[in-house]
Amino acid sequence: MLHRNHSQPAFWSAFSRRAVFCSEVWIQLGTSLINQASHFGASDLWASNVVKAPSTSGGFVANAAYGVYMFLRNRSLPQYALRGTALYWLDGIAMGAFWVWRSGSLCARHR
């Protein structure tokens, strides 16, 4: 019989809320930081990374930690190396690249 520890979802939920709060703080401070980055020579396209990198890091850490926890708990990591999954990996990498490119160009355009 599988015994569940019901305090673990509460921990992950609290961890995620704190990460989102940190992201919101970075977004609030964003305009002045982007202007400073431009002042120091960053192009308009990449100056938004001064805000984007720290603001999305909290969400990444929370999701990555939970993903590692689930991989260990379910012992499912080997399934990601099965035959036929390479295209899915490529699609995920392409989505991430397009997201970074598109969000950077939008921030530069709407500043």
Protein backbone atom coordinates (compact mmCIF):
# COMPACT_ATOMS: atom_id res chain seq x y z
CA MET A 1 0.00 0.00 0.00
CA LEU A 2 1.29 3.45 -0.93
CA HIS A 3 1.54 5.85 2.00
CA ARG A 4 1.33 9.48 1.07
CA ASN A 5 2.82 12.32 3.01
CA HIS A 6 0.26 15.13 2.69
CA SER A 7 2.66 17.81 3.95
CA GLN A 8 4.79 17.64 0.79
CA PRO A 9 2.27 19.34 -1.55
CA ALA A 10 1.93 22.15 1.00
CA PHE A 11 5.71 22.59 1.02
CA TRP A 12 5.89 22.80 -2.79
CA SER A 13 2.94 25.17 -2.90
CA ALA A 14 4.56 27.51 -0.35
CA PHE A 15 7.89 27.30 -2.19
CA SER A 16 6.19 28.21 -5.50
CA ARG A 17 4.30 31.14 -3.94
CA ARG A 18 7.55 32.60 -2.63
CA ALA A 19 9.19 32.17 -6.04
CA VAL A 20 6.29 33.96 -7.75
CA PHE A 21 6.48 36.78 -5.20
CA CYS A 22 10.18 37.25 -5.97
CA SER A 23 9.33 37.33 -9.69
CA GLU A 24 6.74 40.06 -9.09
CA VAL A 25 9.26 42.15 -7.17
CA TRP A 26 11.71 41.96 -10.07
CA ILE A 27 9.01 42.99 -12.53
CA GLN A 28 8.12 46.00 -10.34
CA LEU A 29 11.74 47.14 -10.43
CA GLY A 30 12.10 46.38 -14.13
CA THR A 31 11.87 49.70 -15.90
CA SER A 32 14.69 51.42 -14.03
CA LEU A 33 16.93 48.36 -14.36
CA ILE A 34 16.31 48.11 -18.10
CA ASN A 35 17.12 51.81 -18.48
CA GLN A 36 20.36 51.34 -16.55
CA ALA A 37 21.32 48.37 -18.72
CA SER A 38 20.74 50.47 -21.84
CA HIS A 39 22.78 53.29 -20.32
CA PHE A 40 25.70 50.88 -19.82
CA GLY A 41 25.61 49.76 -23.46
CA ALA A 42 23.16 46.84 -23.65
CA SER A 43 21.11 46.80 -26.86
CA ASP A 44 17.38 47.44 -26.55
CA LEU A 45 16.72 43.82 -27.49
CA TRP A 46 18.82 42.33 -24.69
CA ALA A 47 18.49 44.97 -21.97
CA SER A 48 15.27 43.30 -20.77
CA ASN A 49 17.29 40.23 -19.75
CA VAL A 50 18.42 42.21 -16.70
CA VAL A 51 14.88 41.78 -15.39
CA LYS A 52 13.81 38.62 -17.19
CA ALA A 53 16.61 36.37 -15.95
CA PRO A 54 16.13 36.94 -12.21
CA SER A 55 12.34 37.18 -12.45
CA THR A 56 11.96 33.82 -14.17
CA SER A 57 14.64 32.09 -12.12
CA GLY A 58 12.36 31.71 -9.10
CA GLY A 59 9.76 29.87 -11.14
CA PHE A 60 12.43 27.76 -12.80
CA VAL A 61 13.95 26.71 -9.47
CA ALA A 62 10.56 25.76 -8.04
CA ASN A 63 9.56 23.75 -11.10
CA ALA A 64 12.96 22.11 -11.53
CA ALA A 65 13.09 21.08 -7.86
CA TYR A 66 9.61 19.60 -8.07
CA GLY A 67 10.49 17.84 -11.33
CA VAL A 68 13.59 16.24 -9.77
CA TYR A 69 11.52 15.21 -6.75
CA MET A 70 8.91 13.56 -9.02
CA PHE A 71 11.59 11.84 -11.14
CA LEU A 72 13.12 10.34 -8.01
CA ARG A 73 9.79 9.41 -6.48
CA ASN A 74 8.38 7.78 -9.62
CA ARG A 75 11.71 6.53 -11.02
CA SER A 76 10.59 7.80 -14.43
CA LEU A 77 13.70 9.57 -15.74
CA PRO A 78 14.78 6.65 -18.01
CA GLN A 79 11.52 7.04 -19.98
CA TYR A 80 12.83 10.36 -21.35
CA ALA A 81 15.61 8.53 -23.18
CA LEU A 82 13.36 6.03 -24.96
CA ARG A 83 13.49 5.61 -28.70
CA GLY A 84 11.43 8.29 -30.46
CA THR A 85 11.69 11.00 -27.81
CA ALA A 86 14.45 13.02 -29.53
CA LEU A 87 11.91 14.99 -31.58
CA TYR A 88 10.11 16.01 -28.39
CA TRP A 89 13.39 17.23 -26.91
CA LEU A 90 14.07 19.26 -30.07
CA ASP A 91 10.56 20.74 -29.96
CA GLY A 92 11.03 21.77 -26.34
CA ILE A 93 14.36 23.43 -27.04
CA ALA A 94 12.89 25.28 -30.03
CA MET A 95 9.95 26.52 -27.93
CA GLY A 96 12.34 27.85 -25.30
CA ALA A 97 14.47 29.61 -27.91
CA PHE A 98 11.43 31.21 -29.56
CA TRP A 99 10.08 32.30 -26.16
CA VAL A 100 13.34 34.02 -25.24
CA TRP A 101 13.62 35.68 -28.65
CA ARG A 102 9.98 36.82 -28.77
CA SER A 103 9.76 38.10 -25.21
CA GLY A 104 13.03 40.00 -25.65
CA SER A 105 11.84 41.69 -28.82
CA LEU A 106 8.49 42.58 -27.24
CA CYS A 107 10.16 44.17 -24.21
CA ALA A 108 12.45 46.20 -26.46
CA ARG A 109 9.53 47.39 -28.57
CA HIS A 110 7.22 48.40 -25.70
CA ARG A 111 9.68 50.14 -23.43
